Amino acid sequence: MFRVAEKKPTIEEKFRAVFSHVAIGTVLSTSEIVAKVVKAYPDVSENSVLPADRCYNITNAGLAYDHSFRIFEYRGRSSYRYLGENYPYCGKVTWKDEPCGSWTDGVLEKGENWPYRK
């Protein structure tokens, strides 16, 4: 009899599971975020836990922002505020410290200098 291989959870699913019980508004450092994910999923490399890629207010050209999983607000100096998925975020989005878009009540509007993937 053949065994069907179990599907391994994606990094997004791992983040979702780890932070699902964290209170909205909790402030965490990069090291705290990494430690939580690695403790729950020892198979995850510390180098693959990138909270900056999970933020409402920052982006990079290498990430498909429209389809990415966002749960944090970057507060500067390795500090993040947990907001959870589908948060009605209001604020600007930056790329390389320059404004490139904004959120109003959870709706994203891209600016003319939005970084597009190549």
C-alpha atoms as a PDB file:
ATOM      1  CA  MET A   1       0.000   0.000   0.000  1.00  0.00           C
ATOM      2  CA  PHE A   2       1.281   3.451  -0.884  1.00  0.00           C
ATOM      3  CA  ARG A   3       1.465   6.231   1.664  1.00  0.00           C
ATOM      4  CA  VAL A   4       0.515   9.678   0.566  1.00  0.00           C
ATOM      5  CA  ALA A   5       3.221  12.094   1.585  1.00  0.00           C
ATOM      6  CA  GLU A   6       2.036  14.700   4.037  1.00  0.00           C
ATOM      7  CA  LYS A   7       2.187  18.221   2.741  1.00  0.00           C
ATOM      8  CA  LYS A   8       4.669  20.279   4.725  1.00  0.00           C
ATOM      9  CA  PRO A   9       3.345  23.628   5.936  1.00  0.00           C
ATOM     10  CA  THR A  10       4.598  26.693   4.089  1.00  0.00           C
ATOM     11  CA  ILE A  11       6.487  29.422   5.923  1.00  0.00           C
ATOM     12  CA  GLU A  12       3.278  31.481   5.850  1.00  0.00           C
ATOM     13  CA  GLU A  13       1.335  28.659   7.489  1.00  0.00           C
ATOM     14  CA  LYS A  14       4.059  28.368  10.116  1.00  0.00           C
ATOM     15  CA  PHE A  15       3.937  32.118  10.856  1.00  0.00           C
ATOM     16  CA  ARG A  16       0.135  31.928  11.010  1.00  0.00           C
ATOM     17  CA  ALA A  17       0.235  29.052  13.510  1.00  0.00           C
ATOM     18  CA  VAL A  18       2.925  30.602  15.706  1.00  0.00           C
ATOM     19  CA  PHE A  19       1.346  34.051  15.933  1.00  0.00           C
ATOM     20  CA  SER A  20      -2.348  33.099  15.964  1.00  0.00           C
ATOM     21  CA  HIS A  21      -2.482  33.439  19.758  1.00  0.00           C
ATOM     22  CA  VAL A  22      -0.424  36.638  20.029  1.00  0.00           C
ATOM     23  CA  ALA A  23      -2.434  39.693  21.076  1.00  0.00           C
ATOM     24  CA  ILE A  24      -2.942  42.382  18.446  1.00  0.00           C
ATOM     25  CA  GLY A  25      -0.607  45.273  19.212  1.00  0.00           C
ATOM     26  CA  THR A  26       2.123  43.152  20.805  1.00  0.00           C
ATOM     27  CA  VAL A  27       5.568  44.575  20.035  1.00  0.00           C
ATOM     28  CA  LEU A  28       8.276  42.042  19.236  1.00  0.00           C
ATOM     29  CA  SER A  29      11.917  42.252  18.240  1.00  0.00           C
ATOM     30  CA  THR A  30      13.333  40.436  15.236  1.00  0.00           C
ATOM     31  CA  SER A  31      15.088  37.979  17.555  1.00  0.00           C
ATOM     32  CA  GLU A  32      11.839  37.267  19.448  1.00  0.00           C
ATOM     33  CA  ILE A  33       9.995  36.582  16.183  1.00  0.00           C
ATOM     34  CA  VAL A  34      12.752  34.306  14.903  1.00  0.00           C
ATOM     35  CA  ALA A  35      12.957  32.445  18.227  1.00  0.00           C
ATOM     36  CA  LYS A  36       9.177  31.830  18.291  1.00  0.00           C
ATOM     37  CA  VAL A  37       9.124  30.382  14.780  1.00  0.00           C
ATOM     38  CA  VAL A  38      12.255  28.251  15.200  1.00  0.00           C
ATOM     39  CA  LYS A  39      11.093  26.937  18.582  1.00  0.00           C
ATOM     40  CA  ALA A  40       7.773  25.823  17.085  1.00  0.00           C
ATOM     41  CA  TYR A  41       9.363  24.551  13.861  1.00  0.00           C
ATOM     42  CA  PRO A  42      12.962  23.422  14.443  1.00  0.00           C
ATOM     43  CA  ASP A  43      13.271  22.529  10.748  1.00  0.00           C
ATOM     44  CA  VAL A  44      13.069  26.223   9.842  1.00  0.00           C
ATOM     45  CA  SER A  45      16.376  28.005   9.370  1.00  0.00           C
ATOM     46  CA  GLU A  46      16.750  31.233  11.337  1.00  0.00           C
ATOM     47  CA  ASN A  47      17.807  32.880   8.070  1.00  0.00           C
ATOM     48  CA  SER A  48      14.440  32.124   6.457  1.00  0.00           C
ATOM     49  CA  VAL A  49      12.396  33.898   9.151  1.00  0.00           C
ATOM     50  CA  LEU A  50      12.158  37.380   7.679  1.00  0.00           C
ATOM     51  CA  PRO A  51       9.635  39.520   9.548  1.00  0.00           C
ATOM     52  CA  ALA A  52      10.323  42.470   7.231  1.00  0.00           C
ATOM     53  CA  ASP A  53       8.759  40.448   4.395  1.00  0.00           C
ATOM     54  CA  ARG A  54       5.559  40.153   6.458  1.00  0.00           C
ATOM     55  CA  CYS A  55       4.903  43.867   6.994  1.00  0.00           C
ATOM     56  CA  TYR A  56       2.105  46.150   5.920  1.00  0.00           C
ATOM     57  CA  ASN A  57       4.286  49.231   5.799  1.00  0.00           C
ATOM     58  CA  ILE A  58       7.464  48.129   3.994  1.00  0.00           C
ATOM     59  CA  THR A  59       8.061  46.255   0.765  1.00  0.00           C
ATOM     60  CA  ASN A  60      10.848  45.159  -1.539  1.00  0.00           C
ATOM     61  CA  ALA A  61      10.954  44.561  -5.282  1.00  0.00           C
ATOM     62  CA  GLY A  62      11.782  40.879  -4.785  1.00  0.00           C
ATOM     63  CA  LEU A  63       8.531  40.036  -3.015  1.00  0.00           C
ATOM     64  CA  ALA A  64       5.109  39.651  -4.612  1.00  0.00           C
ATOM     65  CA  TYR A  65       3.550  42.174  -2.236  1.00  0.00           C
ATOM     66  CA  ASP A  66       0.019  41.826  -3.612  1.00  0.00           C
ATOM     67  CA  HIS A  67      -0.036  38.158  -2.677  1.00  0.00           C
ATOM     68  CA  SER A  68       2.209  38.197   0.355  1.00  0.00           C
ATOM     69  CA  PHE A  69       1.206  37.397   3.875  1.00  0.00           C
ATOM     70  CA  ARG A  70       1.286  40.492   6.109  1.00  0.00           C
ATOM     71  CA  ILE A  71       0.936  40.448   9.893  1.00  0.00           C
ATOM     72  CA  PHE A  72       3.387  43.062  11.217  1.00  0.00           C
ATOM     73  CA  GLU A  73       4.023  46.772  11.198  1.00  0.00           C
ATOM     74  CA  TYR A  74       7.700  47.675  11.085  1.00  0.00           C
ATOM     75  CA  ARG A  75       8.480  50.174  13.860  1.00  0.00           C
ATOM     76  CA  GLY A  76      12.186  50.658  13.186  1.00  0.00           C
ATOM     77  CA  ARG A  77      15.361  49.227  14.670  1.00  0.00           C
ATOM     78  CA  SER A  78      14.284  45.571  14.508  1.00  0.00           C
ATOM     79  CA  SER A  79      10.965  46.269  16.223  1.00  0.00           C
ATOM     80  CA  TYR A  80       7.632  44.997  14.921  1.00  0.00           C
ATOM     81  CA  ARG A  81       4.043  45.380  16.074  1.00  0.00           C
ATOM     82  CA  TYR A  82       1.853  42.327  15.524  1.00  0.00           C
ATOM     83  CA  LEU A  83      -1.396  43.240  13.751  1.00  0.00           C
ATOM     84  CA  GLY A  84      -2.523  39.934  12.290  1.00  0.00           C
ATOM     85  CA  GLU A  85      -3.882  39.139   8.858  1.00  0.00           C
ATOM     86  CA  ASN A  86      -6.336  41.383   7.053  1.00  0.00           C
ATOM     87  CA  TYR A  87      -5.834  44.195   9.536  1.00  0.00           C
ATOM     88  CA  PRO A  88      -7.543  47.474   8.523  1.00  0.00           C
ATOM     89  CA  TYR A  89      -4.134  49.120   8.334  1.00  0.00           C
ATOM     90  CA  CYS A  90      -3.797  52.855   7.724  1.00  0.00           C
ATOM     91  CA  GLY A  91      -0.404  54.277   6.872  1.00  0.00           C
ATOM     92  CA  LYS A  92       2.254  54.624   4.233  1.00  0.00           C
ATOM     93  CA  VAL A  93       4.251  51.848   2.596  1.00  0.00           C
ATOM     94  CA  THR A  94       7.948  52.467   2.015  1.00  0.00           C
ATOM     95  CA  TRP A  95      10.539  50.919  -0.237  1.00  0.00           C
ATOM     96  CA  LYS A  96      14.172  51.744   0.560  1.00  0.00           C
ATOM     97  CA  ASP A  97      12.909  54.331   3.070  1.00  0.00           C
ATOM     98  CA  GLU A  98      10.919  56.184   0.365  1.00  0.00           C
ATOM     99  CA  PRO A  99       7.099  56.328   0.356  1.00  0.00           C
ATOM    100  CA  CYS A 100       5.665  54.237  -2.493  1.00  0.00           C
ATOM    101  CA  GLY A 101       2.066  53.634  -1.473  1.00  0.00           C
ATOM    102  CA  SER A 102      -0.425  53.822   1.347  1.00  0.00           C
ATOM    103  CA  TRP A 103      -3.098  51.878   3.154  1.00  0.00           C
ATOM    104  CA  THR A 104      -6.479  53.318   4.125  1.00  0.00           C
ATOM    105  CA  ASP A 105      -8.694  51.065   6.256  1.00  0.00           C
ATOM    106  CA  GLY A 106      -7.011  47.954   4.883  1.00  0.00           C
ATOM    107  CA  VAL A 107      -7.105  49.019   1.225  1.00  0.00           C
ATOM    108  CA  LEU A 108      -3.757  49.423  -0.542  1.00  0.00           C
ATOM    109  CA  GLU A 109      -3.107  52.201  -3.028  1.00  0.00           C
ATOM    110  CA  LYS A 110       0.207  51.943  -4.872  1.00  0.00           C
ATOM    111  CA  GLY A 111       2.083  55.122  -5.714  1.00  0.00           C
ATOM    112  CA  GLU A 112       3.733  55.866  -9.035  1.00  0.00           C
ATOM    113  CA  ASN A 113       7.131  54.803  -7.667  1.00  0.00           C
ATOM    114  CA  TRP A 114       5.887  51.366  -6.487  1.00  0.00           C
ATOM    115  CA  PRO A 115       8.664  48.759  -6.968  1.00  0.00           C
ATOM    116  CA  TYR A 116       7.598  46.091  -9.443  1.00  0.00           C
ATOM    117  CA  ARG A 117       9.201  42.700  -9.679  1.00  0.00           C
ATOM    118  CA  LYS A 118      11.305  42.110 -12.778  1.00  0.00           C
END
